[in-house]
C-alpha atoms as a PDB file:
ATOM      1  CA  UNK A   1     -51.966 -93.888  29.557  1.00  0.00           C
ATOM      2  CA  UNK A   2     -51.526 -91.090  32.024  1.00  0.00           C
ATOM      3  CA  UNK A   3     -49.222 -93.276  34.063  1.00  0.00           C
ATOM      4  CA  UNK A   4     -47.275 -94.000  31.019  1.00  0.00           C
ATOM      5  CA  UNK A   5     -46.784 -90.316  30.108  1.00  0.00           C
ATOM      6  CA  UNK A   6     -45.932 -89.448  33.754  1.00  0.00           C
ATOM      7  CA  UNK A   7     -43.295 -92.263  33.914  1.00  0.00           C
ATOM      8  CA  UNK A   8     -41.845 -91.071  30.558  1.00  0.00           C
ATOM      9  CA  UNK A   9     -41.501 -87.580  31.789  1.00  0.00           C
ATOM     10  CA  UNK A  10     -39.920 -88.655  35.045  1.00  0.00           C
ATOM     11  CA  UNK A  11     -37.427 -90.893  33.102  1.00  0.00           C
ATOM     12  CA  UNK A  12     -36.845 -87.947  30.521  1.00  0.00           C
ATOM     13  CA  UNK A  13     -36.801 -84.861  32.742  1.00  0.00           C
ATOM     14  CA  UNK A  14     -33.692 -83.419  31.101  1.00  0.00           C
ATOM     15  CA  UNK A  15     -35.210 -83.764  27.717  1.00  0.00           C
ATOM     16  CA  UNK A  16     -38.339 -82.055  28.914  1.00  0.00           C
ATOM     17  CA  UNK A  17     -36.396 -78.971  30.099  1.00  0.00           C
ATOM     18  CA  UNK A  18     -34.537 -78.813  26.776  1.00  0.00           C
ATOM     19  CA  UNK A  19     -37.798 -78.880  24.915  1.00  0.00           C
ATOM     20  CA  UNK A  20     -39.313 -76.134  27.019  1.00  0.00           C
ATOM     21  CA  UNK A  21     -36.195 -73.861  26.603  1.00  0.00           C
ATOM     22  CA  UNK A  22     -36.335 -74.306  22.771  1.00  0.00           C
ATOM     23  CA  UNK A  23     -39.976 -73.487  22.686  1.00  0.00           C
ATOM     24  CA  UNK A  24     -39.517 -70.320  24.766  1.00  0.00           C
ATOM     25  CA  UNK A  25     -36.695 -69.178  22.417  1.00  0.00           C
ATOM     26  CA  UNK A  26     -38.958 -69.699  19.350  1.00  0.00           C
ATOM     27  CA  UNK A  27     -41.634 -67.590  21.022  1.00  0.00           C
ATOM     28  CA  UNK A  28     -39.260 -64.722  21.818  1.00  0.00           C
ATOM     29  CA  UNK A  29     -37.609 -64.793  18.338  1.00  0.00           C
ATOM     30  CA  UNK A  30     -39.937 -62.077  16.736  1.00  0.00           C
ATOM     31  CA  UNK A  31     -39.189 -59.603  19.540  1.00  0.00           C
ATOM     32  CA  UNK A  32     -35.417 -60.124  19.226  1.00  0.00           C
ATOM     33  CA  UNK A  33     -35.668 -59.494  15.484  1.00  0.00           C
ATOM     34  CA  UNK A  34     -37.559 -56.238  15.902  1.00  0.00           C
ATOM     35  CA  UNK A  35     -35.524 -54.774  18.715  1.00  0.00           C
ATOM     36  CA  UNK A  36     -32.170 -55.925  17.489  1.00  0.00           C
ATOM     37  CA  UNK A  37     -29.852 -57.867  19.663  1.00  0.00           C
ATOM     38  CA  UNK A  38     -32.220 -57.466  22.575  1.00  0.00           C
ATOM     39  CA  UNK A  39     -31.749 -53.583  22.658  1.00  0.00           C
ATOM     40  CA  UNK A  40     -34.779 -51.661  24.009  1.00  0.00           C
ATOM     41  CA  UNK A  41     -34.086 -48.568  21.665  1.00  0.00           C
ATOM     42  CA  UNK A  42     -35.121 -47.347  18.219  1.00  0.00           C
ATOM     43  CA  UNK A  43     -32.812 -47.695  15.171  1.00  0.00           C
ATOM     44  CA  UNK A  44     -32.083 -43.847  15.203  1.00  0.00           C
ATOM     45  CA  UNK A  45     -31.653 -41.512  18.154  1.00  0.00           C
ATOM     46  CA  UNK A  46     -31.180 -37.707  18.169  1.00  0.00           C
ATOM     47  CA  UNK A  47     -28.381 -36.463  20.501  1.00  0.00           C
ATOM     48  CA  UNK A  48     -27.927 -32.929  21.460  1.00  0.00           C
ATOM     49  CA  UNK A  49     -24.404 -31.479  21.331  1.00  0.00           C
ATOM     50  CA  UNK A  50     -22.829 -28.323  22.851  1.00  0.00           C
ATOM     51  CA  UNK A  51     -19.563 -26.462  22.920  1.00  0.00           C
ATOM     52  CA  UNK A  52     -18.671 -23.027  24.295  1.00  0.00           C
ATOM     53  CA  UNK A  53     -16.356 -21.016  22.127  1.00  0.00           C
ATOM     54  CA  UNK A  54     -14.426 -18.777  24.552  1.00  0.00           C
ATOM     55  CA  UNK A  55     -12.650 -16.648  21.953  1.00  0.00           C
ATOM     56  CA  UNK A  56     -14.382 -16.055  18.514  1.00  0.00           C
ATOM     57  CA  UNK A  57     -12.045 -15.105  15.742  1.00  0.00           C
ATOM     58  CA  UNK A  58     -12.794 -11.653  14.399  1.00  0.00           C
ATOM     59  CA  UNK A  59     -13.448 -11.333  10.653  1.00  0.00           C
ATOM     60  CA  UNK A  60     -12.632  -8.562   8.115  1.00  0.00           C
ATOM     61  CA  UNK A  61     -15.868  -8.271   6.124  1.00  0.00           C
ATOM     62  CA  UNK A  62     -14.821  -5.587   3.834  1.00  0.00           C
ATOM     63  CA  UNK A  63     -11.681  -3.726   2.768  1.00  0.00           C
ATOM     64  CA  UNK A  64     -11.336  -1.018   0.203  1.00  0.00           C
ATOM     65  CA  UNK A  65      -8.616   1.163  -1.150  1.00  0.00           C
ATOM     66  CA  UNK A  66      -8.944   4.432  -2.988  1.00  0.00           C
ATOM     67  CA  UNK A  67      -7.832   4.410  -6.705  1.00  0.00           C
ATOM     68  CA  UNK A  68      -6.289   5.966  -8.644  1.00  0.00           C
ATOM     69  CA  UNK A  69      -3.732   7.720  -6.491  1.00  0.00           C
ATOM     70  CA  UNK A  70      -2.156  10.831  -7.654  1.00  0.00           C
ATOM     71  CA  UNK A  71       1.130  11.632  -5.885  1.00  0.00           C
ATOM     72  CA  UNK A  72       2.601  15.190  -5.165  1.00  0.00           C
ATOM     73  CA  UNK A  73       5.882  16.146  -6.509  1.00  0.00           C
ATOM     74  CA  UNK A  74       8.696  16.140  -3.838  1.00  0.00           C
ATOM     75  CA  UNK A  75       6.126  15.649  -1.214  1.00  0.00           C
ATOM     76  CA  UNK A  76       4.032  13.005   0.572  1.00  0.00           C
ATOM     77  CA  UNK A  77       0.482  11.949  -0.225  1.00  0.00           C
ATOM     78  CA  UNK A  78      -1.890  10.365   2.379  1.00  0.00           C
ATOM     79  CA  UNK A  79      -3.991   7.556   1.069  1.00  0.00           C
ATOM     80  CA  UNK A  80      -6.582   5.591   3.175  1.00  0.00           C
ATOM     81  CA  UNK A  81      -7.402   1.911   3.361  1.00  0.00           C
ATOM     82  CA  UNK A  82     -10.921   1.406   4.987  1.00  0.00           C
ATOM     83  CA  UNK A  83     -11.450  -1.802   7.010  1.00  0.00           C
ATOM     84  CA  UNK A  84     -14.787  -3.231   8.290  1.00  0.00           C
ATOM     85  CA  UNK A  85     -14.559  -5.749  11.134  1.00  0.00           C
ATOM     86  CA  UNK A  86     -17.134  -8.273  12.610  1.00  0.00           C
ATOM     87  CA  UNK A  87     -16.295  -9.693  16.087  1.00  0.00           C
ATOM     88  CA  UNK A  88     -18.878 -11.766  17.779  1.00  0.00           C
ATOM     89  CA  UNK A  89     -17.366 -11.520  21.265  1.00  0.00           C
ATOM     90  CA  UNK A  90     -16.478  -7.834  20.750  1.00  0.00           C
ATOM     91  CA  UNK A  91     -12.875  -7.923  21.933  1.00  0.00           C
ATOM     92  CA  UNK A  92     -10.936  -6.852  18.906  1.00  0.00           C
ATOM     93  CA  UNK A  93      -8.102  -4.653  20.040  1.00  0.00           C
ATOM     94  CA  UNK A  94      -5.851  -4.016  17.028  1.00  0.00           C
ATOM     95  CA  UNK A  95      -6.049  -3.624  13.252  1.00  0.00           C
ATOM     96  CA  UNK A  96      -2.846  -3.163  11.252  1.00  0.00           C
ATOM     97  CA  UNK A  97      -2.401  -2.929   7.524  1.00  0.00           C
ATOM     98  CA  UNK A  98       0.315  -2.847   4.794  1.00  0.00           C
ATOM     99  CA  UNK A  99       0.138  -0.955   1.560  1.00  0.00           C
ATOM    100  CA  UNK A 100       2.321  -2.865  -0.854  1.00  0.00           C
ATOM    101  CA  UNK A 101       3.245  -3.404  -4.537  1.00  0.00           C
ATOM    102  CA  UNK A 102       2.371  -6.982  -5.557  1.00  0.00           C
ATOM    103  CA  UNK A 103       5.249  -8.774  -7.396  1.00  0.00           C
ATOM    104  CA  UNK A 104       7.898  -6.471  -5.816  1.00  0.00           C
ATOM    105  CA  UNK A 105       7.043  -7.047  -2.165  1.00  0.00           C
ATOM    106  CA  UNK A 106       4.529  -8.879  -0.015  1.00  0.00           C
ATOM    107  CA  UNK A 107       2.637  -8.030   3.305  1.00  0.00           C
ATOM    108  CA  UNK A 108       5.595  -9.353   5.363  1.00  0.00           C
ATOM    109  CA  UNK A 109       8.383  -7.387   3.401  1.00  0.00           C
ATOM    110  CA  UNK A 110      10.315  -4.626   5.159  1.00  0.00           C
ATOM    111  CA  UNK A 111       9.126  -1.071   4.400  1.00  0.00           C
ATOM    112  CA  UNK A 112      10.465   0.488   1.314  1.00  0.00           C
ATOM    113  CA  UNK A 113       9.233   3.847  -0.016  1.00  0.00           C
ATOM    114  CA  UNK A 114       9.055   2.516  -3.530  1.00  0.00           C
ATOM    115  CA  UNK A 115       6.982  -0.556  -2.732  1.00  0.00           C
ATOM    116  CA  UNK A 116       5.966  -1.144   0.852  1.00  0.00           C
ATOM    117  CA  UNK A 117       4.285   0.799   3.671  1.00  0.00           C
ATOM    118  CA  UNK A 118       3.017  -0.212   7.160  1.00  0.00           C
ATOM    119  CA  UNK A 119       0.407   1.182   9.503  1.00  0.00           C
ATOM    120  CA  UNK A 120       0.768  -0.782  12.851  1.00  0.00           C
ATOM    121  CA  UNK A 121      -2.270   0.835  14.557  1.00  0.00           C
ATOM    122  CA  UNK A 122      -5.303   1.789  12.332  1.00  0.00           C
ATOM    123  CA  UNK A 123      -7.846   4.201  13.672  1.00  0.00           C
ATOM    124  CA  UNK A 124     -11.194   2.963  15.033  1.00  0.00           C
ATOM    125  CA  UNK A 125     -13.932   5.072  13.529  1.00  0.00           C
ATOM    126  CA  UNK A 126     -17.055   3.657  15.106  1.00  0.00           C
ATOM    127  CA  UNK A 127     -17.859   2.490  18.716  1.00  0.00           C
ATOM    128  CA  UNK A 128     -16.458  -0.888  19.813  1.00  0.00           C
ATOM    129  CA  UNK A 129     -19.255  -3.229  18.807  1.00  0.00           C
ATOM    130  CA  UNK A 130     -19.877  -6.337  16.840  1.00  0.00           C
ATOM    131  CA  UNK A 131     -19.406  -4.330  13.594  1.00  0.00           C
ATOM    132  CA  UNK A 132     -16.598  -1.865  13.519  1.00  0.00           C
ATOM    133  CA  UNK A 133     -14.893   0.395  10.866  1.00  0.00           C
ATOM    134  CA  UNK A 134     -11.273   1.218  10.848  1.00  0.00           C
ATOM    135  CA  UNK A 135      -9.190   3.683   8.878  1.00  0.00           C
ATOM    136  CA  UNK A 136      -5.663   2.783   7.896  1.00  0.00           C
ATOM    137  CA  UNK A 137      -3.768   5.885   6.605  1.00  0.00           C
ATOM    138  CA  UNK A 138      -0.451   5.647   4.772  1.00  0.00           C
ATOM    139  CA  UNK A 139       1.855   8.599   3.949  1.00  0.00           C
ATOM    140  CA  UNK A 140       3.175   7.736   0.477  1.00  0.00           C
ATOM    141  CA  UNK A 141       6.315   9.288  -0.889  1.00  0.00           C
ATOM    142  CA  UNK A 142       6.477  11.073  -4.241  1.00  0.00           C
ATOM    143  CA  UNK A 143       8.707   8.295  -5.706  1.00  0.00           C
ATOM    144  CA  UNK A 144       6.438   5.280  -4.867  1.00  0.00           C
ATOM    145  CA  UNK A 145       6.437   3.111  -8.033  1.00  0.00           C
ATOM    146  CA  UNK A 146       3.922   3.833 -10.753  1.00  0.00           C
ATOM    147  CA  UNK A 147       1.884   0.586 -11.036  1.00  0.00           C
ATOM    148  CA  UNK A 148      -1.685  -0.811 -11.106  1.00  0.00           C
ATOM    149  CA  UNK A 149      -0.729  -3.673  -8.682  1.00  0.00           C
ATOM    150  CA  UNK A 150      -0.950  -1.931  -5.381  1.00  0.00           C
ATOM    151  CA  UNK A 151      -2.877  -3.739  -2.556  1.00  0.00           C
ATOM    152  CA  UNK A 152      -3.880  -3.125   1.019  1.00  0.00           C
ATOM    153  CA  UNK A 153      -3.578  -6.119   3.356  1.00  0.00           C
ATOM    154  CA  UNK A 154      -5.275  -5.726   6.752  1.00  0.00           C
ATOM    155  CA  UNK A 155      -5.122  -7.944   9.878  1.00  0.00           C
ATOM    156  CA  UNK A 156      -7.340  -7.822  12.866  1.00  0.00           C
ATOM    157  CA  UNK A 157      -6.356  -9.221  16.293  1.00  0.00           C
ATOM    158  CA  UNK A 158      -8.441  -9.760  19.428  1.00  0.00           C
ATOM    159  CA  UNK A 159      -7.557 -10.108  23.181  1.00  0.00           C
ATOM    160  CA  UNK A 160      -6.969 -13.882  22.508  1.00  0.00           C
ATOM    161  CA  UNK A 161      -4.473 -12.975  19.787  1.00  0.00           C
ATOM    162  CA  UNK A 162      -6.508 -14.630  17.118  1.00  0.00           C
ATOM    163  CA  UNK A 163      -5.587 -12.837  13.812  1.00  0.00           C
ATOM    164  CA  UNK A 164      -7.440 -12.917  10.549  1.00  0.00           C
ATOM    165  CA  UNK A 165      -6.431 -11.068   7.337  1.00  0.00           C
ATOM    166  CA  UNK A 166      -7.977  -9.888   4.071  1.00  0.00           C
ATOM    167  CA  UNK A 167      -6.961  -7.926   0.958  1.00  0.00           C
ATOM    168  CA  UNK A 168      -8.404  -4.996  -0.908  1.00  0.00           C
ATOM    169  CA  UNK A 169      -9.093  -4.285  -4.545  1.00  0.00           C
ATOM    170  CA  UNK A 170      -6.096  -3.325  -6.619  1.00  0.00           C
ATOM    171  CA  UNK A 171      -5.135   0.317  -6.772  1.00  0.00           C
ATOM    172  CA  UNK A 172      -3.214   2.348  -9.304  1.00  0.00           C
ATOM    173  CA  UNK A 173      -0.419   4.782  -8.368  1.00  0.00           C
ATOM    174  CA  UNK A 174      -0.306   7.181 -11.261  1.00  0.00           C
ATOM    175  CA  UNK A 175       2.850   8.312 -13.013  1.00  0.00           C
ATOM    176  CA  UNK A 176       4.392  11.565 -11.694  1.00  0.00           C
ATOM    177  CA  UNK A 177       6.946  13.280 -13.872  1.00  0.00           C
ATOM    178  CA  UNK A 178       8.571  16.206 -11.925  1.00  0.00           C
ATOM    179  CA  UNK A 179      11.887  17.787 -11.176  1.00  0.00           C
ATOM    180  CA  UNK A 180      13.241  20.085  -8.530  1.00  0.00           C
ATOM    181  CA  UNK A 181      16.068  22.666  -8.942  1.00  0.00           C
ATOM    182  CA  UNK A 182      17.730  25.699  -7.411  1.00  0.00           C
ATOM    183  CA  UNK A 183      15.934  28.791  -8.701  1.00  0.00           C
ATOM    184  CA  UNK A 184      19.039  30.628  -9.712  1.00  0.00           C
ATOM    185  CA  UNK A 185      21.921  29.709 -12.067  1.00  0.00           C
ATOM    186  CA  UNK A 186      24.657  32.360 -11.058  1.00  0.00           C
ATOM    187  CA  UNK A 187      27.711  32.796 -13.482  1.00  0.00           C
ATOM    188  CA  UNK A 188      29.155  35.361 -11.087  1.00  0.00           C
ATOM    189  CA  UNK A 189      31.256  38.318 -12.292  1.00  0.00           C
ATOM    190  CA  UNK A 190      32.667  38.161 -15.782  1.00  0.00           C
ATOM    191  CA  UNK A 191      34.423  40.687 -18.152  1.00  0.00           C
ATOM    192  CA  UNK A 192      33.696  41.140 -21.869  1.00  0.00           C
ATOM    193  CA  UNK A 193      35.275  38.386 -23.879  1.00  0.00           C
ATOM    194  CA  UNK A 194      35.644  36.127 -20.805  1.00  0.00           C
ATOM    195  CA  UNK A 195      34.054  32.576 -20.554  1.00  0.00           C
ATOM    196  CA  UNK A 196      32.695  31.417 -17.290  1.00  0.00           C
ATOM    197  CA  UNK A 197      33.917  28.180 -15.715  1.00  0.00           C
ATOM    198  CA  UNK A 198      31.523  25.354 -15.397  1.00  0.00           C
ATOM    199  CA  UNK A 199      28.419  26.430 -13.524  1.00  0.00           C
ATOM    200  CA  UNK A 200      26.626  23.487 -11.883  1.00  0.00           C
ATOM    201  CA  UNK A 201      22.898  23.106 -12.318  1.00  0.00           C
ATOM    202  CA  UNK A 202      21.728  20.027 -10.295  1.00  0.00           C
ATOM    203  CA  UNK A 203      18.395  18.476 -11.224  1.00  0.00           C
ATOM    204  CA  UNK A 204      16.549  16.353  -8.644  1.00  0.00           C
ATOM    205  CA  UNK A 205      13.899  13.859  -9.648  1.00  0.00           C
ATOM    206  CA  UNK A 206      10.746  14.832  -7.836  1.00  0.00           C
ATOM    207  CA  UNK A 207       8.431  12.181  -9.254  1.00  0.00           C
ATOM    208  CA  UNK A 208       8.239   8.361  -9.711  1.00  0.00           C
ATOM    209  CA  UNK A 209       9.500   8.078 -13.422  1.00  0.00           C
ATOM    210  CA  UNK A 210      12.826   8.280 -14.945  1.00  0.00           C
ATOM    211  CA  UNK A 211      12.881  11.758 -16.646  1.00  0.00           C
ATOM    212  CA  UNK A 212      14.640  13.104 -19.756  1.00  0.00           C
ATOM    213  CA  UNK A 213      15.201  16.784 -19.644  1.00  0.00           C
ATOM    214  CA  UNK A 214      14.781  19.420 -22.234  1.00  0.00           C
ATOM    215  CA  UNK A 215      15.836  23.041 -22.025  1.00  0.00           C
ATOM    216  CA  UNK A 216      14.633  26.262 -23.598  1.00  0.00           C
ATOM    217  CA  UNK A 217      16.255  29.693 -23.164  1.00  0.00           C
ATOM    218  CA  UNK A 218      15.040  33.285 -23.432  1.00  0.00           C
ATOM    219  CA  UNK A 219      15.866  36.696 -22.135  1.00  0.00           C
ATOM    220  CA  UNK A 220      12.553  37.985 -20.887  1.00  0.00           C
ATOM    221  CA  UNK A 221       9.853  36.478 -23.224  1.00  0.00           C
ATOM    222  CA  UNK A 222       9.963  32.998 -24.648  1.00  0.00           C
ATOM    223  CA  UNK A 223      11.017  33.098 -28.286  1.00  0.00           C
ATOM    224  CA  UNK A 224      12.804  36.447 -28.050  1.00  0.00           C
ATOM    225  CA  UNK A 225      16.163  34.859 -29.224  1.00  0.00           C
ATOM    226  CA  UNK A 226      18.072  36.120 -26.179  1.00  0.00           C
ATOM    227  CA  UNK A 227      19.969  34.311 -23.303  1.00  0.00           C
ATOM    228  CA  UNK A 228      20.184  37.587 -21.290  1.00  0.00           C
ATOM    229  CA  UNK A 229      18.763  41.121 -21.233  1.00  0.00           C
ATOM    230  CA  UNK A 230      21.416  43.388 -19.659  1.00  0.00           C
ATOM    231  CA  UNK A 231      21.592  46.781 -18.105  1.00  0.00           C
ATOM    232  CA  UNK A 232      23.208  47.773 -21.399  1.00  0.00           C
ATOM    233  CA  UNK A 233      22.634  45.560 -24.466  1.00  0.00           C
ATOM    234  CA  UNK A 234      21.934  41.848 -24.505  1.00  0.00           C
ATOM    235  CA  UNK A 235      23.467  38.416 -24.909  1.00  0.00           C
ATOM    236  CA  UNK A 236      22.068  36.072 -27.682  1.00  0.00           C
ATOM    237  CA  UNK A 237      21.340  32.466 -26.982  1.00  0.00           C
ATOM    238  CA  UNK A 238      24.377  31.133 -28.866  1.00  0.00           C
ATOM    239  CA  UNK A 239      26.727  32.451 -26.163  1.00  0.00           C
ATOM    240  CA  UNK A 240      25.086  30.267 -23.393  1.00  0.00           C
ATOM    241  CA  UNK A 241      25.938  26.637 -23.571  1.00  0.00           C
ATOM    242  CA  UNK A 242      25.508  23.365 -21.605  1.00  0.00           C
ATOM    243  CA  UNK A 243      26.719  19.742 -21.351  1.00  0.00           C
ATOM    244  CA  UNK A 244      26.152  16.708 -19.091  1.00  0.00           C
ATOM    245  CA  UNK A 245      29.879  16.128 -18.595  1.00  0.00           C
ATOM    246  CA  UNK A 246      31.921  18.399 -16.378  1.00  0.00           C
ATOM    247  CA  UNK A 247      34.941  20.064 -18.023  1.00  0.00           C
ATOM    248  CA  UNK A 248      33.638  19.926 -21.509  1.00  0.00           C
ATOM    249  CA  UNK A 249      35.314  22.816 -23.482  1.00  0.00           C
ATOM    250  CA  UNK A 250      33.051  25.689 -24.299  1.00  0.00           C
ATOM    251  CA  UNK A 251      33.319  25.013 -28.036  1.00  0.00           C
ATOM    252  CA  UNK A 252      32.187  21.437 -27.635  1.00  0.00           C
ATOM    253  CA  UNK A 253      29.118  22.218 -25.554  1.00  0.00           C
ATOM    254  CA  UNK A 254      25.505  22.310 -26.873  1.00  0.00           C
ATOM    255  CA  UNK A 255      24.079  25.839 -27.750  1.00  0.00           C
ATOM    256  CA  UNK A 256      21.056  26.949 -25.848  1.00  0.00           C
ATOM    257  CA  UNK A 257      18.120  27.464 -28.260  1.00  0.00           C
ATOM    258  CA  UNK A 258      14.759  29.171 -28.203  1.00  0.00           C
ATOM    259  CA  UNK A 259      12.929  25.824 -28.620  1.00  0.00           C
ATOM    260  CA  UNK A 260      12.788  23.014 -26.114  1.00  0.00           C
ATOM    261  CA  UNK A 261      15.635  20.665 -26.880  1.00  0.00           C
ATOM    262  CA  UNK A 262      16.431  17.446 -25.041  1.00  0.00           C
ATOM    263  CA  UNK A 263      19.861  17.247 -23.327  1.00  0.00           C
ATOM    264  CA  UNK A 264      21.766  14.426 -25.124  1.00  0.00           C
ATOM    265  CA  UNK A 265      22.934  11.341 -23.212  1.00  0.00           C
ATOM    266  CA  UNK A 266      21.217  12.560 -20.136  1.00  0.00           C
ATOM    267  CA  UNK A 267      18.347  11.750 -17.767  1.00  0.00           C
ATOM    268  CA  UNK A 268      17.456  11.874 -14.036  1.00  0.00           C
ATOM    269  CA  UNK A 269      16.434   8.340 -12.753  1.00  0.00           C
ATOM    270  CA  UNK A 270      13.598   7.728 -10.429  1.00  0.00           C
ATOM    271  CA  UNK A 271      14.573   7.694  -6.792  1.00  0.00           C
ATOM    272  CA  UNK A 272      15.148   4.197  -5.360  1.00  0.00           C
ATOM    273  CA  UNK A 273      17.163   4.861  -2.295  1.00  0.00           C
ATOM    274  CA  UNK A 274      15.209   5.979   0.858  1.00  0.00           C
ATOM    275  CA  UNK A 275      18.331   7.539   2.187  1.00  0.00           C
ATOM    276  CA  UNK A 276      19.407   9.632  -0.829  1.00  0.00           C
ATOM    277  CA  UNK A 277      17.589  11.652  -3.420  1.00  0.00           C
ATOM    278  CA  UNK A 278      18.222  11.026  -7.134  1.00  0.00           C
ATOM    279  CA  UNK A 279      20.214  13.985  -8.552  1.00  0.00           C
ATOM    280  CA  UNK A 280      21.915  14.364 -11.899  1.00  0.00           C
ATOM    281  CA  UNK A 281      24.064  17.235 -12.907  1.00  0.00           C
ATOM    282  CA  UNK A 282      24.232  19.640 -15.989  1.00  0.00           C
ATOM    283  CA  UNK A 283      27.070  22.047 -16.546  1.00  0.00           C
ATOM    284  CA  UNK A 284      26.788  25.481 -18.050  1.00  0.00           C
ATOM    285  CA  UNK A 285      29.029  28.321 -19.462  1.00  0.00           C
ATOM    286  CA  UNK A 286      28.456  31.653 -20.775  1.00  0.00           C
ATOM    287  CA  UNK A 287      30.801  33.935 -22.878  1.00  0.00           C
ATOM    288  CA  UNK A 288      30.362  37.654 -22.534  1.00  0.00           C
ATOM    289  CA  UNK A 289      30.171  39.427 -26.094  1.00  0.00           C
ATOM    290  CA  UNK A 290      31.089  42.984 -26.934  1.00  0.00           C
ATOM    291  CA  UNK A 291      28.077  45.257 -26.612  1.00  0.00           C
ATOM    292  CA  UNK A 292      26.749  43.836 -23.284  1.00  0.00           C
ATOM    293  CA  UNK A 293      27.251  45.455 -19.836  1.00  0.00           C
ATOM    294  CA  UNK A 294      25.847  45.738 -16.384  1.00  0.00           C
ATOM    295  CA  UNK A 295      23.634  43.187 -14.674  1.00  0.00           C
ATOM    296  CA  UNK A 296      22.182  40.656 -17.118  1.00  0.00           C
ATOM    297  CA  UNK A 297      19.175  38.361 -16.431  1.00  0.00           C
ATOM    298  CA  UNK A 298      17.720  35.489 -18.447  1.00  0.00           C
ATOM    299  CA  UNK A 299      15.641  32.412 -18.096  1.00  0.00           C
ATOM    300  CA  UNK A 300      16.056  28.649 -18.889  1.00  0.00           C
ATOM    301  CA  UNK A 301      12.972  26.482 -18.831  1.00  0.00           C
ATOM    302  CA  UNK A 302      13.903  22.933 -17.688  1.00  0.00           C
ATOM    303  CA  UNK A 303      11.185  20.342 -18.736  1.00  0.00           C
ATOM    304  CA  UNK A 304      11.025  16.859 -17.504  1.00  0.00           C
ATOM    305  CA  UNK A 305       9.690  14.222 -19.926  1.00  0.00           C
ATOM    306  CA  UNK A 306       8.832  10.625 -19.154  1.00  0.00           C
ATOM    307  CA  UNK A 307      11.629   8.425 -20.260  1.00  0.00           C
ATOM    308  CA  UNK A 308       9.264   5.505 -20.725  1.00  0.00           C
ATOM    309  CA  UNK A 309      11.001   2.984 -18.541  1.00  0.00           C
END
C-alpha cells in the first residue's frame, strides 16, 4: 500500500504541488480578509498636518461712528470714526477710511464735500500690539448732505499688503439751515425825494438745506414801524422796498414790513460745488421822504427757512 501511494505521488508530482498550494491559500484566507488586500495597517489612520502662515491677514474687529452729527454754519466740523484692529503677527502698518453717503457715493468714489471724505492715514491710539485702536478723523464741510445714510468704511493693511475692510453703523448728519451776509446795506448819499438805485444784498447759504428767506424791518426796536431812525425825523417802512430781480422799478417792488415776510419767488440753494459758494441776490431801494434828515440807521432781519427739499 505504501509503495502504491509512493508510486502515485511520484507519477503525479505536479498535482501534489497544486494541491499543497491550494491548501496553503485556504489557510491564509482569513488573514487576508481581516487585513485587506494583504496590507499590514488598520482601516483608519490619523495623520498630522502642518502649515506655516507667513503673513496673517489683520482683521477689523470693531468700527464705530458718532451719531448724530451737528454741523457748524459756514465752517467745518470734525467727526471721528473709531477702528479696532486685531493682527496676529503684529505687522499692521496702515489704516485708512472713508466717510461717505450711501446711495450717492461708495468707498471708492472721489472726494466730494457733499457726500465723500477720505482719511488716508488714521492715527494709532494704542501701542503696536495684537489688538490696536485707531482714530480716523474727518473735517466735514457745513454743506455736507443732510441724511441718515452716512457710513465709515475702514481698511487695514499690513507689511505684506494684505488688506481687509469693514463698515460702521449708520450715522445721521442733521439738517443745518443758515445764511451768511455782509453786515451793512449802505444806500449811500441821497437827497429828500430821491430814490436810490438798486442796492445789492447777497445771501450766502451757510448750511446744508435749500433756504427760503424772510425779511422783517425796524428802526431800532422790532415792531416800531420804522425803516430808519434819523438824526432828524425818521423813515417809515413803506419807503424801503426789495425784489429778487435787478432793475425792478421802485413802484413794483415789495414793501418792507414789521412782520417776517417771505421774499416771493426766491431761495438760496444748498451748496453743491466745492469750488464755489451758493449765493443768491436781493435788490433794495429806499426813497427819502420830507421830514427826514442827517444820518439814518435801521435794521433788516433776514431769516432762513428750510425749503423742504
